[in-house]
């Protein structure tokens, strides 16, 4: 589990670098875990902005 949206974005970028972007997907945990970095779909624009700034 990722403690923050920044940590999740960093892990996605690391995975894309290691595996290639075509092999990395964005997943969520909509099972209601309160510690999820993306507890609902409202956080996707913020994740998109983080990723766009880092590539």
N, C-alpha and C. Protein backbone atom coordinates (compact mmCIF):
# COMPACT_ATOMS: atom_id res chain seq x y z
N UNK A 1 0.83 -1.16 0.00
CA UNK A 1 0.00 0.00 0.00
C UNK A 1 0.89 1.24 0.00
N UNK A 2 0.42 2.29 -0.61
CA UNK A 2 1.19 3.53 -0.70
C UNK A 2 0.63 4.54 0.28
N UNK A 3 1.54 5.22 1.00
CA UNK A 3 1.10 6.14 2.05
C UNK A 3 0.59 7.45 1.51
N UNK A 4 0.90 7.77 0.24
CA UNK A 4 0.45 9.04 -0.32
C UNK A 4 0.30 8.92 -1.83
N UNK A 5 -0.35 9.90 -2.41
CA UNK A 5 -0.50 9.94 -3.86
C UNK A 5 0.86 10.14 -4.53
N UNK A 6 1.73 10.92 -3.90
CA UNK A 6 3.09 11.11 -4.42
C UNK A 6 3.85 9.79 -4.48
N UNK A 7 3.75 8.99 -3.44
CA UNK A 7 4.43 7.70 -3.41
C UNK A 7 3.87 6.76 -4.47
N UNK A 8 2.57 6.81 -4.69
CA UNK A 8 1.94 5.98 -5.72
C UNK A 8 2.42 6.40 -7.11
N UNK A 9 2.47 7.71 -7.36
CA UNK A 9 2.95 8.22 -8.64
C UNK A 9 4.40 7.81 -8.87
N UNK A 10 5.21 7.92 -7.85
CA UNK A 10 6.62 7.53 -7.96
C UNK A 10 6.76 6.05 -8.29
N UNK A 11 5.96 5.21 -7.66
CA UNK A 11 6.00 3.77 -7.93
C UNK A 11 5.56 3.47 -9.36
N UNK A 12 4.56 4.17 -9.86
CA UNK A 12 4.12 3.97 -11.24
C UNK A 12 5.23 4.35 -12.22
N UNK A 13 5.89 5.47 -11.97
CA UNK A 13 6.98 5.89 -12.84
C UNK A 13 8.16 4.94 -12.78
N UNK A 14 8.47 4.44 -11.60
CA UNK A 14 9.55 3.45 -11.45
C UNK A 14 9.22 2.18 -12.23
N UNK A 15 7.99 1.73 -12.11
CA UNK A 15 7.58 0.51 -12.82
C UNK A 15 7.63 0.73 -14.34
N UNK A 16 7.20 1.89 -14.80
CA UNK A 16 7.23 2.19 -16.23
C UNK A 16 8.66 2.22 -16.75
N UNK A 17 9.56 2.73 -15.94
CA UNK A 17 10.97 2.77 -16.34
C UNK A 17 11.55 1.36 -16.43
N UNK A 18 11.21 0.52 -15.48
CA UNK A 18 11.74 -0.85 -15.45
C UNK A 18 11.09 -1.77 -16.48
N UNK A 19 9.77 -1.67 -16.62
CA UNK A 19 9.02 -2.62 -17.44
C UNK A 19 8.58 -2.08 -18.80
N UNK A 20 8.54 -0.75 -18.92
CA UNK A 20 7.97 -0.12 -20.10
C UNK A 20 6.55 0.31 -19.80
N UNK A 21 6.20 1.48 -20.26
CA UNK A 21 4.88 2.06 -19.95
C UNK A 21 3.72 1.19 -20.42
N UNK A 22 3.92 0.45 -21.50
CA UNK A 22 2.85 -0.40 -22.02
C UNK A 22 2.48 -1.54 -21.08
N UNK A 23 3.33 -1.79 -20.08
CA UNK A 23 3.11 -2.91 -19.17
C UNK A 23 2.72 -2.47 -17.76
N UNK A 24 2.38 -1.22 -17.59
CA UNK A 24 2.02 -0.69 -16.27
C UNK A 24 0.59 -0.17 -16.31
N UNK A 25 -0.19 -0.57 -15.33
CA UNK A 25 -1.57 -0.11 -15.24
C UNK A 25 -1.81 0.61 -13.93
N UNK A 26 -2.82 1.44 -13.92
CA UNK A 26 -3.19 2.16 -12.71
C UNK A 26 -4.36 1.43 -12.07
N UNK A 27 -4.15 1.00 -10.84
CA UNK A 27 -5.20 0.30 -10.11
C UNK A 27 -5.61 1.07 -8.88
N UNK A 28 -6.78 0.76 -8.39
CA UNK A 28 -7.27 1.40 -7.18
C UNK A 28 -7.76 0.32 -6.23
N UNK A 29 -7.96 0.70 -5.02
CA UNK A 29 -8.54 -0.22 -4.06
C UNK A 29 -9.86 0.39 -3.59
N UNK A 30 -10.89 0.08 -4.30
CA UNK A 30 -12.20 0.64 -3.98
C UNK A 30 -12.95 -0.24 -2.99
N UNK A 31 -12.21 -1.10 -2.28
CA UNK A 31 -12.83 -1.98 -1.29
C UNK A 31 -13.08 -1.27 0.03
N UNK A 32 -12.72 0.00 0.08
CA UNK A 32 -13.00 0.75 1.30
C UNK A 32 -11.87 0.82 2.29
N UNK A 33 -10.67 0.45 1.89
CA UNK A 33 -9.54 0.55 2.80
C UNK A 33 -9.22 2.02 3.03
N UNK A 34 -9.20 2.45 4.24
CA UNK A 34 -9.03 3.86 4.54
C UNK A 34 -7.62 4.36 4.27
N UNK A 35 -6.66 3.47 4.16
CA UNK A 35 -5.28 3.91 3.96
C UNK A 35 -4.85 3.92 2.49
N UNK A 36 -5.78 3.72 1.59
CA UNK A 36 -5.47 3.71 0.18
C UNK A 36 -5.08 5.11 -0.31
N UNK A 37 -4.05 5.18 -1.19
CA UNK A 37 -3.64 6.46 -1.76
C UNK A 37 -4.72 7.02 -2.68
N UNK A 38 -5.55 6.14 -3.22
CA UNK A 38 -6.66 6.57 -4.08
C UNK A 38 -7.94 5.94 -3.54
N UNK A 39 -8.54 6.55 -2.53
CA UNK A 39 -9.73 5.97 -1.92
C UNK A 39 -10.99 6.11 -2.78
N UNK A 40 -10.96 7.02 -3.76
CA UNK A 40 -12.10 7.17 -4.67
C UNK A 40 -11.60 7.78 -5.98
N UNK A 41 -12.46 7.80 -6.97
CA UNK A 41 -12.06 8.26 -8.29
C UNK A 41 -11.82 9.77 -8.37
N UNK A 42 -12.19 10.50 -7.38
CA UNK A 42 -11.96 11.95 -7.37
C UNK A 42 -10.47 12.29 -7.34
N UNK A 43 -9.63 11.36 -6.97
CA UNK A 43 -8.19 11.60 -6.86
C UNK A 43 -7.43 11.41 -8.19
N UNK A 44 -8.10 10.88 -9.20
CA UNK A 44 -7.42 10.64 -10.48
C UNK A 44 -6.87 11.91 -11.12
N UNK A 45 -7.59 13.04 -11.13
CA UNK A 45 -6.99 14.25 -11.72
C UNK A 45 -5.70 14.67 -11.01
N UNK A 46 -5.65 14.52 -9.70
CA UNK A 46 -4.43 14.86 -8.96
C UNK A 46 -3.30 13.91 -9.33
N UNK A 47 -3.59 12.62 -9.49
CA UNK A 47 -2.58 11.66 -9.90
C UNK A 47 -2.08 11.99 -11.31
N UNK A 48 -3.00 12.29 -12.20
CA UNK A 48 -2.63 12.66 -13.56
C UNK A 48 -1.70 13.88 -13.56
N UNK A 49 -2.00 14.87 -12.76
CA UNK A 49 -1.17 16.07 -12.68
C UNK A 49 0.23 15.74 -12.15
N UNK A 50 0.31 14.89 -11.14
CA UNK A 50 1.61 14.48 -10.60
C UNK A 50 2.45 13.77 -11.66
N UNK A 51 1.82 12.85 -12.37
CA UNK A 51 2.55 12.11 -13.39
C UNK A 51 2.99 13.02 -14.53
N UNK A 52 2.14 13.94 -14.94
CA UNK A 52 2.48 14.85 -16.04
C UNK A 52 3.66 15.74 -15.68
N UNK A 53 3.75 16.14 -14.43
CA UNK A 53 4.87 17.00 -14.01
C UNK A 53 6.19 16.25 -13.97
N UNK A 54 6.14 14.94 -13.80
CA UNK A 54 7.37 14.17 -13.60
C UNK A 54 7.90 13.52 -14.87
N UNK A 55 7.15 13.52 -15.93
CA UNK A 55 7.66 12.89 -17.17
C UNK A 55 8.20 13.91 -18.13
